[in-house]
Amino acid sequence: MADRGGGDLGAKDVVEALSPEQRERLERLRHHPLPLEPGIAPLVALLWWHGIPTWGSCEGHVEHGSGPWVGVGSEAALDSHPELAPSSRAEGLRAALKLAAVLRAFYSRREAHPVTSLHLMFSPAAEEFGFCELRSHGSSVLGLSSCIPRDQEAELVLAMQDELRAFGLFLRTQPRGIATPAVEPGDLLGGEDSPSRPLVEQAATALAASGFAVVRWSEGRVTEPGSEAPSIEFNAASRQPIAADSRLVLQENVRQILALQGRAARAPRPGSLAELLGRLHVDYAPGPRTSFLLGPQGREIIRILDAEARANVIRRARRNFRQLLDSSA
């Protein structure tokens, strides 16, 4: 990452404290055909030091308009036999839950910018392996089109690098070894957050009225099997799905997505892990429709929570959909 005076992560002693196997892997990655980039290597080493496995990363590139990110989850899961997928997925989601706990602590004392603040973006492999990426909210629109002025795009990438560096400096101050945290029991009763009130459907209708092409939505489901977080999938460019090989997004649509992210991020600083997991954000959802997903940060993590904690996160997400509706009124 470009150095803009954000401080030194001081990774030398962290690397020395890694296990011999981890140090060997770090050295291999530095000489890999797609090497571990020096701008992101200190953060990767810090995550390993804290017991959070990674499977990929990028330091961010101003010249390409791509923001920095770190993939969290067990790389070994990529080679797992299909029968091992459930345990691999749980391992990846537990790592994501650890990282979510650190993010909650980080943003409990730092203002979360709606575009550059960090969140957990779950990749298409999340269903099978529990993989996610730590990246800035606004990275969903970087590189999808050439509609953002070049100088603004470059400044945005640099700001995202600064945010990830600040997170690394915070992580550096934390005691080694992050235990898998427990999500606190629910403190919201049914009532106004009852699934009988189609809050997400109302939010989807409001999005459609403002020009987004809504593909589908879910009010969320607590019960197993098939628990699901409330979410809205939408396409921003037109009322027809974008072709898989087309990434044309109109400038006005990018403004709309960033504005939507800004409204979704208007929430108090997270006082609990459930509040962070229930916070809404916009993810780019690669696939045949090249669409976006508005949903809670913990939409995949809920799969490894007990029923009460899962219900708490879903209720908080539904409450945030209601607040999003109120802000659109």
C-alpha atoms as a PDB file:
ATOM      1  CA  MET A   1       0.000   0.000   0.000  1.00  0.00           C
ATOM      2  CA  ALA A   2       1.161   3.488  -0.735  1.00  0.00           C
ATOM      3  CA  ASP A   3       2.696   5.178   2.303  1.00  0.00           C
ATOM      4  CA  ARG A   4       0.773   8.343   3.117  1.00  0.00           C
ATOM      5  CA  GLY A   5       2.120   8.790   6.624  1.00  0.00           C
ATOM      6  CA  GLY A   6      -0.208   6.190   8.123  1.00  0.00           C
ATOM      7  CA  GLY A   7       2.487   4.606  10.286  1.00  0.00           C
ATOM      8  CA  ASP A   8       4.512   1.428  10.280  1.00  0.00           C
ATOM      9  CA  LEU A   9       2.836  -1.875  11.095  1.00  0.00           C
ATOM     10  CA  GLY A  10       6.150  -3.071  12.518  1.00  0.00           C
ATOM     11  CA  ALA A  11       5.751  -6.602  11.175  1.00  0.00           C
ATOM     12  CA  LYS A  12       9.311  -7.862  11.689  1.00  0.00           C
ATOM     13  CA  ASP A  13       8.770  -9.046  15.250  1.00  0.00           C
ATOM     14  CA  VAL A  14       5.354 -10.407  14.283  1.00  0.00           C
ATOM     15  CA  VAL A  15       6.910 -12.518  11.524  1.00  0.00           C
ATOM     16  CA  GLU A  16       9.557 -13.768  13.966  1.00  0.00           C
ATOM     17  CA  ALA A  17       6.769 -14.841  16.332  1.00  0.00           C
ATOM     18  CA  LEU A  18       4.993 -16.904  13.672  1.00  0.00           C
ATOM     19  CA  SER A  19       5.308 -20.660  13.649  1.00  0.00           C
ATOM     20  CA  PRO A  20       8.045 -22.186  11.432  1.00  0.00           C
ATOM     21  CA  GLU A  21       5.323 -23.452   9.084  1.00  0.00           C
ATOM     22  CA  GLN A  22       3.811 -19.976   8.784  1.00  0.00           C
ATOM     23  CA  ARG A  23       7.199 -18.342   8.156  1.00  0.00           C
ATOM     24  CA  GLU A  24       7.917 -20.923   5.460  1.00  0.00           C
ATOM     25  CA  ARG A  25       4.561 -20.253   3.818  1.00  0.00           C
ATOM     26  CA  LEU A  26       5.169 -16.495   3.987  1.00  0.00           C
ATOM     27  CA  GLU A  27       8.484 -16.939   2.212  1.00  0.00           C
ATOM     28  CA  ARG A  28       6.878 -19.143  -0.459  1.00  0.00           C
ATOM     29  CA  LEU A  29       4.173 -16.549  -1.076  1.00  0.00           C
ATOM     30  CA  ARG A  30       6.767 -13.814  -1.550  1.00  0.00           C
ATOM     31  CA  HIS A  31       8.273 -15.808  -4.431  1.00  0.00           C
ATOM     32  CA  HIS A  32       4.994 -17.074  -5.877  1.00  0.00           C
ATOM     33  CA  PRO A  33       4.130 -16.226  -9.530  1.00  0.00           C
ATOM     34  CA  LEU A  34       1.369 -14.081  -7.971  1.00  0.00           C
ATOM     35  CA  PRO A  35       3.409 -12.946  -4.967  1.00  0.00           C
ATOM     36  CA  LEU A  36       2.218 -11.616  -1.653  1.00  0.00           C
ATOM     37  CA  GLU A  37       2.572  -7.879  -2.234  1.00  0.00           C
ATOM     38  CA  PRO A  38       4.760  -5.899   0.171  1.00  0.00           C
ATOM     39  CA  GLY A  39       2.020  -3.342   0.833  1.00  0.00           C
ATOM     40  CA  ILE A  40      -0.353  -5.944   2.279  1.00  0.00           C
ATOM     41  CA  ALA A  41       2.141  -8.516   3.662  1.00  0.00           C
ATOM     42  CA  PRO A  42       2.407  -6.908   7.149  1.00  0.00           C
ATOM     43  CA  LEU A  43      -1.362  -7.086   7.639  1.00  0.00           C
ATOM     44  CA  VAL A  44      -1.477 -10.689   6.421  1.00  0.00           C
ATOM     45  CA  ALA A  45       1.269 -11.602   8.916  1.00  0.00           C
ATOM     46  CA  LEU A  46      -0.644  -9.826  11.697  1.00  0.00           C
ATOM     47  CA  LEU A  47      -3.807 -11.776  10.901  1.00  0.00           C
ATOM     48  CA  TRP A  48      -1.869 -15.055  11.005  1.00  0.00           C
ATOM     49  CA  TRP A  49      -0.305 -13.961  14.307  1.00  0.00           C
ATOM     50  CA  HIS A  50      -3.815 -13.563  15.695  1.00  0.00           C
ATOM     51  CA  GLY A  51      -4.899 -16.974  14.427  1.00  0.00           C
ATOM     52  CA  ILE A  52      -6.950 -15.702  11.475  1.00  0.00           C
ATOM     53  CA  PRO A  53      -6.096 -17.658   8.278  1.00  0.00           C
ATOM     54  CA  THR A  54      -6.070 -15.996   4.868  1.00  0.00           C
ATOM     55  CA  TRP A  55      -6.382 -17.298   1.327  1.00  0.00           C
ATOM     56  CA  GLY A  56      -5.477 -14.279  -0.811  1.00  0.00           C
ATOM     57  CA  SER A  57      -4.856 -10.536  -0.814  1.00  0.00           C
ATOM     58  CA  CYS A  58      -4.142  -7.406  -2.833  1.00  0.00           C
ATOM     59  CA  GLU A  59      -2.414  -4.214  -1.697  1.00  0.00           C
ATOM     60  CA  GLY A  60      -4.583  -2.068  -3.995  1.00  0.00           C
ATOM     61  CA  HIS A  61      -3.473  -0.339  -7.185  1.00  0.00           C
ATOM     62  CA  VAL A  62      -4.138   3.262  -8.105  1.00  0.00           C
ATOM     63  CA  GLU A  63      -3.243   2.618 -11.750  1.00  0.00           C
ATOM     64  CA  HIS A  64      -5.877  -0.136 -12.026  1.00  0.00           C
ATOM     65  CA  GLY A  65      -8.510   1.502  -9.858  1.00  0.00           C
ATOM     66  CA  SER A  66      -8.623  -1.503  -7.519  1.00  0.00           C
ATOM     67  CA  GLY A  67      -8.885  -1.238  -3.746  1.00  0.00           C
ATOM     68  CA  PRO A  68      -6.927  -3.334  -1.235  1.00  0.00           C
ATOM     69  CA  TRP A  69      -8.389  -6.465   0.333  1.00  0.00           C
ATOM     70  CA  VAL A  70      -7.521  -9.567   2.323  1.00  0.00           C
ATOM     71  CA  GLY A  71      -9.311 -12.886   1.873  1.00  0.00           C
ATOM     72  CA  VAL A  72     -10.113 -14.621   5.165  1.00  0.00           C
ATOM     73  CA  GLY A  73     -10.593 -18.375   5.458  1.00  0.00           C
ATOM     74  CA  SER A  74      -8.544 -21.549   5.263  1.00  0.00           C
ATOM     75  CA  GLU A  75      -6.592 -21.932   2.020  1.00  0.00           C
ATOM     76  CA  ALA A  76      -6.482 -25.678   2.727  1.00  0.00           C
ATOM     77  CA  ALA A  77     -10.247 -25.763   2.159  1.00  0.00           C
ATOM     78  CA  LEU A  78      -9.610 -25.224  -1.542  1.00  0.00           C
ATOM     79  CA  ASP A  79      -8.111 -28.708  -1.730  1.00  0.00           C
ATOM     80  CA  SER A  80     -10.643 -30.357   0.573  1.00  0.00           C
ATOM     81  CA  HIS A  81     -12.699 -33.313  -0.481  1.00  0.00           C
ATOM     82  CA  PRO A  82     -16.370 -32.308  -0.970  1.00  0.00           C
ATOM     83  CA  GLU A  83     -17.324 -34.330   2.119  1.00  0.00           C
ATOM     84  CA  LEU A  84     -15.124 -32.011   4.204  1.00  0.00           C
ATOM     85  CA  ALA A  85     -16.813 -28.837   2.962  1.00  0.00           C
ATOM     86  CA  PRO A  86     -19.143 -28.364   5.991  1.00  0.00           C
ATOM     87  CA  SER A  87     -16.230 -28.368   8.450  1.00  0.00           C
ATOM     88  CA  SER A  88     -14.154 -26.176   6.125  1.00  0.00           C
ATOM     89  CA  ARG A  89     -17.046 -23.723   5.857  1.00  0.00           C
ATOM     90  CA  ALA A  90     -17.438 -23.581   9.631  1.00  0.00           C
ATOM     91  CA  GLU A  91     -13.711 -22.918  10.040  1.00  0.00           C
ATOM     92  CA  GLY A  92     -13.859 -20.051   7.558  1.00  0.00           C
ATOM     93  CA  LEU A  93     -16.939 -18.539   9.180  1.00  0.00           C
ATOM     94  CA  ARG A  94     -15.366 -18.779  12.637  1.00  0.00           C
ATOM     95  CA  ALA A  95     -12.370 -16.832  11.283  1.00  0.00           C
ATOM     96  CA  ALA A  96     -14.767 -14.246   9.858  1.00  0.00           C
ATOM     97  CA  LEU A  97     -16.518 -13.995  13.233  1.00  0.00           C
ATOM     98  CA  LYS A  98     -13.167 -13.316  14.939  1.00  0.00           C
ATOM     99  CA  LEU A  99     -12.416 -10.590  12.410  1.00  0.00           C
ATOM    100  CA  ALA A 100     -15.897  -9.107  12.877  1.00  0.00           C
ATOM    101  CA  ALA A 101     -15.204  -8.811  16.608  1.00  0.00           C
ATOM    102  CA  VAL A 102     -12.016  -6.839  15.903  1.00  0.00           C
ATOM    103  CA  LEU A 103     -13.856  -4.609  13.424  1.00  0.00           C
ATOM    104  CA  ARG A 104     -16.495  -3.888  16.063  1.00  0.00           C
ATOM    105  CA  ALA A 105     -13.792  -2.791  18.499  1.00  0.00           C
ATOM    106  CA  PHE A 106     -12.052  -0.741  15.797  1.00  0.00           C
ATOM    107  CA  TYR A 107     -15.186   1.161  14.778  1.00  0.00           C
ATOM    108  CA  SER A 108     -16.469   1.560  18.306  1.00  0.00           C
ATOM    109  CA  ARG A 109     -13.829   4.295  18.658  1.00  0.00           C
ATOM    110  CA  ARG A 110     -13.474   5.424  15.033  1.00  0.00           C
ATOM    111  CA  GLU A 111     -15.945   7.116  12.708  1.00  0.00           C
ATOM    112  CA  ALA A 112     -17.007   4.695   9.971  1.00  0.00           C
ATOM    113  CA  HIS A 113     -16.909   6.427   6.579  1.00  0.00           C
ATOM    114  CA  PRO A 114     -19.698   5.072   4.326  1.00  0.00           C
ATOM    115  CA  VAL A 115     -17.319   4.471   1.409  1.00  0.00           C
ATOM    116  CA  THR A 116     -13.855   3.723   2.829  1.00  0.00           C
ATOM    117  CA  SER A 117     -14.776   1.912   6.071  1.00  0.00           C
ATOM    118  CA  LEU A 118     -14.067  -1.816   6.135  1.00  0.00           C
ATOM    119  CA  HIS A 119     -16.549  -4.649   6.068  1.00  0.00           C
ATOM    120  CA  LEU A 120     -16.673  -8.378   5.419  1.00  0.00           C
ATOM    121  CA  MET A 121     -17.654  -9.179   1.829  1.00  0.00           C
ATOM    122  CA  PHE A 122     -18.608 -12.820   1.363  1.00  0.00           C
ATOM    123  CA  SER A 123     -17.442 -14.322  -1.891  1.00  0.00           C
ATOM    124  CA  PRO A 124     -19.370 -16.822  -4.043  1.00  0.00           C
ATOM    125  CA  ALA A 125     -17.343 -19.556  -2.270  1.00  0.00           C
ATOM    126  CA  ALA A 126     -18.844 -18.596   1.098  1.00  0.00           C
ATOM    127  CA  GLU A 127     -21.628 -21.163   0.760  1.00  0.00           C
ATOM    128  CA  GLU A 128     -19.091 -23.963   0.399  1.00  0.00           C
ATOM    129  CA  PHE A 129     -16.027 -22.778   2.309  1.00  0.00           C
ATOM    130  CA  GLY A 130     -17.033 -19.738   4.390  1.00  0.00           C
ATOM    131  CA  PHE A 131     -14.592 -17.468   2.566  1.00  0.00           C
ATOM    132  CA  CYS A 132     -14.899 -13.710   2.910  1.00  0.00           C
ATOM    133  CA  GLU A 133     -12.884 -10.628   2.031  1.00  0.00           C
ATOM    134  CA  LEU A 134     -11.963  -7.698   4.251  1.00  0.00           C
ATOM    135  CA  ARG A 135     -12.354  -4.626   2.060  1.00  0.00           C
ATOM    136  CA  SER A 136     -13.832  -1.134   1.936  1.00  0.00           C
ATOM    137  CA  HIS A 137     -17.535  -0.605   1.287  1.00  0.00           C
ATOM    138  CA  GLY A 138     -16.916   1.471  -1.838  1.00  0.00           C
ATOM    139  CA  SER A 139     -14.757  -1.172  -3.493  1.00  0.00           C
ATOM    140  CA  SER A 140     -17.947  -2.683  -4.933  1.00  0.00           C
ATOM    141  CA  VAL A 141     -18.037  -0.001  -7.623  1.00  0.00           C
ATOM    142  CA  LEU A 142     -14.311   0.395  -8.299  1.00  0.00           C
ATOM    143  CA  GLY A 143     -13.326  -1.079 -11.628  1.00  0.00           C
ATOM    144  CA  LEU A 144     -16.918  -1.814 -12.705  1.00  0.00           C
ATOM    145  CA  SER A 145     -16.875   1.136 -15.093  1.00  0.00           C
ATOM    146  CA  SER A 146     -14.878   4.091 -16.239  1.00  0.00           C
ATOM    147  CA  CYS A 147     -17.540   6.510 -15.064  1.00  0.00           C
ATOM    148  CA  ILE A 148     -15.672   7.657 -11.942  1.00  0.00           C
ATOM    149  CA  PRO A 149     -13.234  10.466 -12.824  1.00  0.00           C
ATOM    150  CA  ARG A 150      -9.694   9.104 -12.811  1.00  0.00           C
ATOM    151  CA  ASP A 151      -8.387  11.484 -10.156  1.00  0.00           C
ATOM    152  CA  GLN A 152     -11.326  10.716  -7.854  1.00  0.00           C
ATOM    153  CA  GLU A 153     -10.857   6.984  -8.337  1.00  0.00           C
ATOM    154  CA  ALA A 154      -7.151   7.261  -7.485  1.00  0.00           C
ATOM    155  CA  GLU A 155      -7.890   9.285  -4.346  1.00  0.00           C
ATOM    156  CA  LEU A 156     -10.516   6.732  -3.323  1.00  0.00           C
ATOM    157  CA  VAL A 157      -8.017   3.856  -3.661  1.00  0.00           C
ATOM    158  CA  LEU A 158      -5.471   5.750  -1.558  1.00  0.00           C
ATOM    159  CA  ALA A 159      -8.091   6.460   1.111  1.00  0.00           C
ATOM    160  CA  MET A 160      -9.007   2.753   1.205  1.00  0.00           C
ATOM    161  CA  GLN A 161      -5.336   1.862   1.637  1.00  0.00           C
ATOM    162  CA  ASP A 162      -5.116   4.344   4.510  1.00  0.00           C
ATOM    163  CA  GLU A 163      -8.158   2.761   6.179  1.00  0.00           C
ATOM    164  CA  LEU A 164      -6.708  -0.736   5.944  1.00  0.00           C
ATOM    165  CA  ARG A 165      -3.386   0.551   7.297  1.00  0.00           C
ATOM    166  CA  ALA A 166      -5.192   2.179  10.248  1.00  0.00           C
ATOM    167  CA  PHE A 167      -6.935  -1.128  10.939  1.00  0.00           C
ATOM    168  CA  GLY A 168      -3.581  -2.910  10.860  1.00  0.00           C
ATOM    169  CA  LEU A 169      -2.134  -0.445  13.365  1.00  0.00           C
ATOM    170  CA  PHE A 170      -5.132  -1.081  15.628  1.00  0.00           C
ATOM    171  CA  LEU A 171      -4.746  -4.852  15.229  1.00  0.00           C
ATOM    172  CA  ARG A 172      -1.090  -4.432  16.194  1.00  0.00           C
ATOM    173  CA  THR A 173      -2.179  -3.146  19.631  1.00  0.00           C
ATOM    174  CA  GLN A 174      -4.429  -6.113  20.403  1.00  0.00           C
ATOM    175  CA  PRO A 175      -3.285  -9.035  22.590  1.00  0.00           C
ATOM    176  CA  ARG A 176      -2.166 -12.024  20.559  1.00  0.00           C
ATOM    177  CA  GLY A 177      -4.734 -14.701  19.826  1.00  0.00           C
ATOM    178  CA  ILE A 178      -8.340 -13.720  19.247  1.00  0.00           C
ATOM    179  CA  ALA A 179     -10.826 -16.192  20.671  1.00  0.00           C
ATOM    180  CA  THR A 180     -13.951 -16.956  18.693  1.00  0.00           C
ATOM    181  CA  PRO A 181     -16.413 -14.522  20.272  1.00  0.00           C
ATOM    182  CA  ALA A 182     -19.927 -15.328  21.392  1.00  0.00           C
ATOM    183  CA  VAL A 183     -22.745 -13.269  19.934  1.00  0.00           C
ATOM    184  CA  GLU A 184     -24.826 -12.004  22.819  1.00  0.00           C
ATOM    185  CA  PRO A 185     -28.433 -13.175  23.307  1.00  0.00           C
ATOM    186  CA  GLY A 186     -31.151 -11.107  21.714  1.00  0.00           C
ATOM    187  CA  ASP A 187     -32.358  -7.971  23.441  1.00  0.00           C
ATOM    188  CA  LEU A 188     -35.079  -7.178  20.895  1.00  0.00           C
ATOM    189  CA  LEU A 189     -38.523  -8.742  21.255  1.00  0.00           C
ATOM    190  CA  GLY A 190     -40.731  -9.766  18.328  1.00  0.00           C
ATOM    191  CA  GLY A 191     -43.346  -7.016  18.006  1.00  0.00           C
ATOM    192  CA  GLU A 192     -42.338  -4.375  15.510  1.00  0.00           C
ATOM    193  CA  ASP A 193     -39.630  -6.593  14.034  1.00  0.00           C
ATOM    194  CA  SER A 194     -41.959  -9.505  13.430  1.00  0.00           C
ATOM    195  CA  PRO A 195     -41.588 -11.200  10.007  1.00  0.00           C
ATOM    196  CA  SER A 196     -45.330 -10.609   9.558  1.00  0.00           C
ATOM    197  CA  ARG A 197     -44.411  -7.010   8.698  1.00  0.00           C
ATOM    198  CA  PRO A 198     -42.777  -7.144   5.231  1.00  0.00           C
ATOM    199  CA  LEU A 199     -40.113  -4.524   5.981  1.00  0.00           C
ATOM    200  CA  VAL A 200     -37.651  -5.836   3.386  1.00  0.00           C
ATOM    201  CA  GLU A 201     -40.384  -6.016   0.743  1.00  0.00           C
ATOM    202  CA  GLN A 202     -41.222  -2.379   1.484  1.00  0.00           C
ATOM    203  CA  ALA A 203     -37.544  -1.451   1.190  1.00  0.00           C
ATOM    204  CA  ALA A 204     -37.295  -3.386  -2.107  1.00  0.00           C
ATOM    205  CA  THR A 205     -40.343  -1.525  -3.420  1.00  0.00           C
ATOM    206  CA  ALA A 206     -38.750   1.778  -2.428  1.00  0.00           C
ATOM    207  CA  LEU A 207     -35.508   0.827  -4.215  1.00  0.00           C
ATOM    208  CA  ALA A 208     -37.439  -0.121  -7.338  1.00  0.00           C
ATOM    209  CA  ALA A 209     -39.299   3.195  -7.240  1.00  0.00           C
ATOM    210  CA  SER A 210     -35.973   5.041  -7.124  1.00  0.00           C
ATOM    211  CA  GLY A 211     -34.714   3.343 -10.294  1.00  0.00           C
ATOM    212  CA  PHE A 212     -32.972   0.158  -9.143  1.00  0.00           C
ATOM    213  CA  ALA A 213     -33.944  -3.089 -10.845  1.00  0.00           C
ATOM    214  CA  VAL A 214     -34.814  -5.381  -7.935  1.00  0.00           C
ATOM    215  CA  VAL A 215     -34.158  -9.051  -8.698  1.00  0.00           C
ATOM    216  CA  ARG A 216     -35.338 -10.670  -5.461  1.00  0.00           C
ATOM    217  CA  TRP A 217     -35.596 -10.106  -1.730  1.00  0.00           C
ATOM    218  CA  SER A 218     -35.930 -12.092   1.478  1.00  0.00           C
ATOM    219  CA  GLU A 219     -37.420 -11.087   4.826  1.00  0.00           C
ATOM    220  CA  GLY A 220     -34.981 -13.480   6.526  1.00  0.00           C
ATOM    221  CA  ARG A 221     -35.570 -16.835   8.160  1.00  0.00           C
ATOM    222  CA  VAL A 222     -34.318 -17.844  11.602  1.00  0.00           C
ATOM    223  CA  THR A 223     -35.167 -21.536  11.683  1.00  0.00           C
ATOM    224  CA  GLU A 224     -32.874 -24.322  10.511  1.00  0.00           C
ATOM    225  CA  PRO A 225     -32.430 -25.796   8.034  1.00  0.00           C
ATOM    226  CA  GLY A 226     -32.351 -22.957   5.546  1.00  0.00           C
ATOM    227  CA  SER A 227     -31.793 -19.967   7.848  1.00  0.00           C
ATOM    228  CA  GLU A 228     -31.292 -16.841   5.784  1.00  0.00           C
ATOM    229  CA  ALA A 229     -30.490 -13.210   6.458  1.00  0.00           C
ATOM    230  CA  PRO A 230     -32.845 -10.518   5.158  1.00  0.00           C
ATOM    231  CA  SER A 231     -31.498  -9.059   1.921  1.00  0.00           C
ATOM    232  CA  ILE A 232     -32.313  -7.411  -1.396  1.00  0.00           C
ATOM    233  CA  GLU A 233     -30.570  -8.333  -4.648  1.00  0.00           C
ATOM    234  CA  PHE A 234     -30.705  -5.601  -7.261  1.00  0.00           C
ATOM    235  CA  ASN A 235     -29.189  -4.485 -10.520  1.00  0.00           C
ATOM    236  CA  ALA A 236     -28.180  -0.856 -10.865  1.00  0.00           C
ATOM    237  CA  ALA A 237     -27.733  -0.255 -14.578  1.00  0.00           C
ATOM    238  CA  SER A 238     -31.184  -0.938 -15.994  1.00  0.00           C
ATOM    239  CA  ARG A 239     -34.361  -2.849 -15.324  1.00  0.00           C
ATOM    240  CA  GLN A 240     -32.872  -5.808 -17.150  1.00  0.00           C
ATOM    241  CA  PRO A 241     -30.044  -8.003 -15.767  1.00  0.00           C
ATOM    242  CA  ILE A 242     -26.572  -7.006 -16.987  1.00  0.00           C
ATOM    243  CA  ALA A 243     -24.950  -9.581 -19.241  1.00  0.00           C
ATOM    244  CA  ALA A 244     -22.272 -11.602 -17.454  1.00  0.00           C
ATOM    245  CA  ASP A 245     -19.583 -10.279 -19.810  1.00  0.00           C
ATOM    246  CA  SER A 246     -20.680  -6.639 -19.456  1.00  0.00           C
ATOM    247  CA  ARG A 247     -19.644  -4.351 -16.611  1.00  0.00           C
ATOM    248  CA  LEU A 248     -21.114  -1.138 -17.924  1.00  0.00           C
ATOM    249  CA  VAL A 249     -22.572   0.806 -15.047  1.00  0.00           C
ATOM    250  CA  LEU A 250     -23.851   4.307 -15.751  1.00  0.00           C
ATOM    251  CA  GLN A 251     -22.342   7.167 -13.776  1.00  0.00           C
ATOM    252  CA  GLU A 252     -25.692   8.015 -12.199  1.00  0.00           C
ATOM    253  CA  ASN A 253     -26.090   4.407 -11.074  1.00  0.00           C
ATOM    254  CA  VAL A 254     -22.702   4.477  -9.341  1.00  0.00           C
ATOM    255  CA  ARG A 255     -23.763   7.637  -7.542  1.00  0.00           C
ATOM    256  CA  GLN A 256     -26.977   5.872  -6.534  1.00  0.00           C
ATOM    257  CA  ILE A 257     -25.100   2.852  -5.167  1.00  0.00           C
ATOM    258  CA  LEU A 258     -22.718   5.014  -3.148  1.00  0.00           C
ATOM    259  CA  ALA A 259     -25.654   7.090  -1.887  1.00  0.00           C
ATOM    260  CA  LEU A 260     -27.482   3.893  -0.900  1.00  0.00           C
ATOM    261  CA  GLN A 261     -24.375   2.681   0.930  1.00  0.00           C
ATOM    262  CA  GLY A 262     -24.202   6.038   2.692  1.00  0.00           C
ATOM    263  CA  ARG A 263     -27.814   5.724   3.881  1.00  0.00           C
ATOM    264  CA  ALA A 264     -27.321   2.093   4.931  1.00  0.00           C
ATOM    265  CA  ALA A 265     -24.226   3.034   6.945  1.00  0.00           C
ATOM    266  CA  ARG A 266     -26.024   5.698   8.991  1.00  0.00           C
ATOM    267  CA  ALA A 267     -26.089   3.773  12.235  1.00  0.00           C
ATOM    268  CA  PRO A 268     -24.637   4.356  15.699  1.00  0.00           C
ATOM    269  CA  ARG A 269     -21.173   2.998  16.399  1.00  0.00           C
ATOM    270  CA  PRO A 270     -21.582  -0.726  17.104  1.00  0.00           C
ATOM    271  CA  GLY A 271     -21.951  -1.305  20.828  1.00  0.00           C
ATOM    272  CA  SER A 272     -22.194  -5.067  20.403  1.00  0.00           C
ATOM    273  CA  LEU A 273     -21.092  -7.712  17.957  1.00  0.00           C
ATOM    274  CA  ALA A 274     -24.717  -8.365  16.971  1.00  0.00           C
ATOM    275  CA  GLU A 275     -25.100  -4.693  16.031  1.00  0.00           C
ATOM    276  CA  LEU A 276     -22.082  -4.908  13.733  1.00  0.00           C
ATOM    277  CA  LEU A 277     -23.240  -8.175  12.155  1.00  0.00           C
ATOM    278  CA  GLY A 278     -26.701  -6.701  11.592  1.00  0.00           C
ATOM    279  CA  ARG A 279     -25.415  -3.509   9.950  1.00  0.00           C
ATOM    280  CA  LEU A 280     -26.423  -3.204   6.298  1.00  0.00           C
ATOM    281  CA  HIS A 281     -24.023  -2.725   3.413  1.00  0.00           C
ATOM    282  CA  VAL A 282     -23.923  -3.122  -0.361  1.00  0.00           C
ATOM    283  CA  ASP A 283     -21.895  -5.967  -1.850  1.00  0.00           C
ATOM    284  CA  TYR A 284     -21.014  -6.630  -5.473  1.00  0.00           C
ATOM    285  CA  ALA A 285     -22.389 -10.090  -6.222  1.00  0.00           C
ATOM    286  CA  PRO A 286     -20.546 -11.705  -9.181  1.00  0.00           C
ATOM    287  CA  GLY A 287     -22.671 -14.129 -11.123  1.00  0.00           C
ATOM    288  CA  PRO A 288     -24.857 -14.467 -14.217  1.00  0.00           C
ATOM    289  CA  ARG A 289     -26.707 -11.255 -13.325  1.00  0.00           C
ATOM    290  CA  THR A 290     -23.702  -9.155 -12.222  1.00  0.00           C
ATOM    291  CA  SER A 291     -25.854  -7.689  -9.498  1.00  0.00           C
ATOM    292  CA  PHE A 292     -25.526  -6.130  -6.049  1.00  0.00           C
ATOM    293  CA  LEU A 293     -26.758  -7.305  -2.672  1.00  0.00           C
ATOM    294  CA  LEU A 294     -28.020  -5.111   0.165  1.00  0.00           C
ATOM    295  CA  GLY A 295     -27.923  -7.086   3.388  1.00  0.00           C
ATOM    296  CA  PRO A 296     -26.330  -7.411   6.836  1.00  0.00           C
ATOM    297  CA  GLN A 297     -22.602  -7.835   7.315  1.00  0.00           C
ATOM    298  CA  GLY A 298     -23.175 -11.133   9.120  1.00  0.00           C
ATOM    299  CA  ARG A 299     -25.396 -12.697   6.459  1.00  0.00           C
ATOM    300  CA  GLU A 300     -23.143 -15.775   6.172  1.00  0.00           C
ATOM    301  CA  ILE A 301     -21.849 -15.814   9.750  1.00  0.00           C
ATOM    302  CA  ILE A 302     -25.362 -16.481  11.075  1.00  0.00           C
ATOM    303  CA  ARG A 303     -24.982 -20.045   9.777  1.00  0.00           C
ATOM    304  CA  ILE A 304     -22.668 -20.946  12.677  1.00  0.00           C
ATOM    305  CA  LEU A 305     -24.581 -19.080  15.416  1.00  0.00           C
ATOM    306  CA  ASP A 306     -27.026 -20.671  17.812  1.00  0.00           C
ATOM    307  CA  ALA A 307     -30.729 -19.970  17.235  1.00  0.00           C
ATOM    308  CA  GLU A 308     -31.006 -17.116  19.743  1.00  0.00           C
ATOM    309  CA  ALA A 309     -27.931 -15.255  18.510  1.00  0.00           C
ATOM    310  CA  ARG A 310     -28.980 -15.828  14.887  1.00  0.00           C
ATOM    311  CA  ALA A 311     -32.417 -14.392  15.638  1.00  0.00           C
ATOM    312  CA  ASN A 312     -30.820 -11.369  17.291  1.00  0.00           C
ATOM    313  CA  VAL A 313     -28.687 -10.554  14.238  1.00  0.00           C
ATOM    314  CA  ILE A 314     -31.666 -11.004  11.885  1.00  0.00           C
ATOM    315  CA  ARG A 315     -33.854  -8.748  14.056  1.00  0.00           C
ATOM    316  CA  ARG A 316     -31.186  -6.066  14.076  1.00  0.00           C
ATOM    317  CA  ALA A 317     -30.843  -6.302  10.300  1.00  0.00           C
ATOM    318  CA  ARG A 318     -34.618  -5.942   9.912  1.00  0.00           C
ATOM    319  CA  ARG A 319     -34.540  -2.934  12.248  1.00  0.00           C
ATOM    320  CA  ASN A 320     -31.872  -1.400   9.980  1.00  0.00           C
ATOM    321  CA  PHE A 321     -34.046  -2.014   6.927  1.00  0.00           C
ATOM    322  CA  ARG A 322     -36.801  -0.105   8.737  1.00  0.00           C
ATOM    323  CA  GLN A 323     -34.388   2.768   9.431  1.00  0.00           C
ATOM    324  CA  LEU A 324     -33.362   2.725   5.791  1.00  0.00           C
ATOM    325  CA  LEU A 325     -37.022   3.022   4.839  1.00  0.00           C
ATOM    326  CA  ASP A 326     -37.466   5.928   7.221  1.00  0.00           C
ATOM    327  CA  SER A 327     -34.440   7.713   5.747  1.00  0.00           C
ATOM    328  CA  SER A 328     -35.897   7.315   2.258  1.00  0.00           C
ATOM    329  CA  ALA A 329     -39.296   8.730   3.217  1.00  0.00           C
END
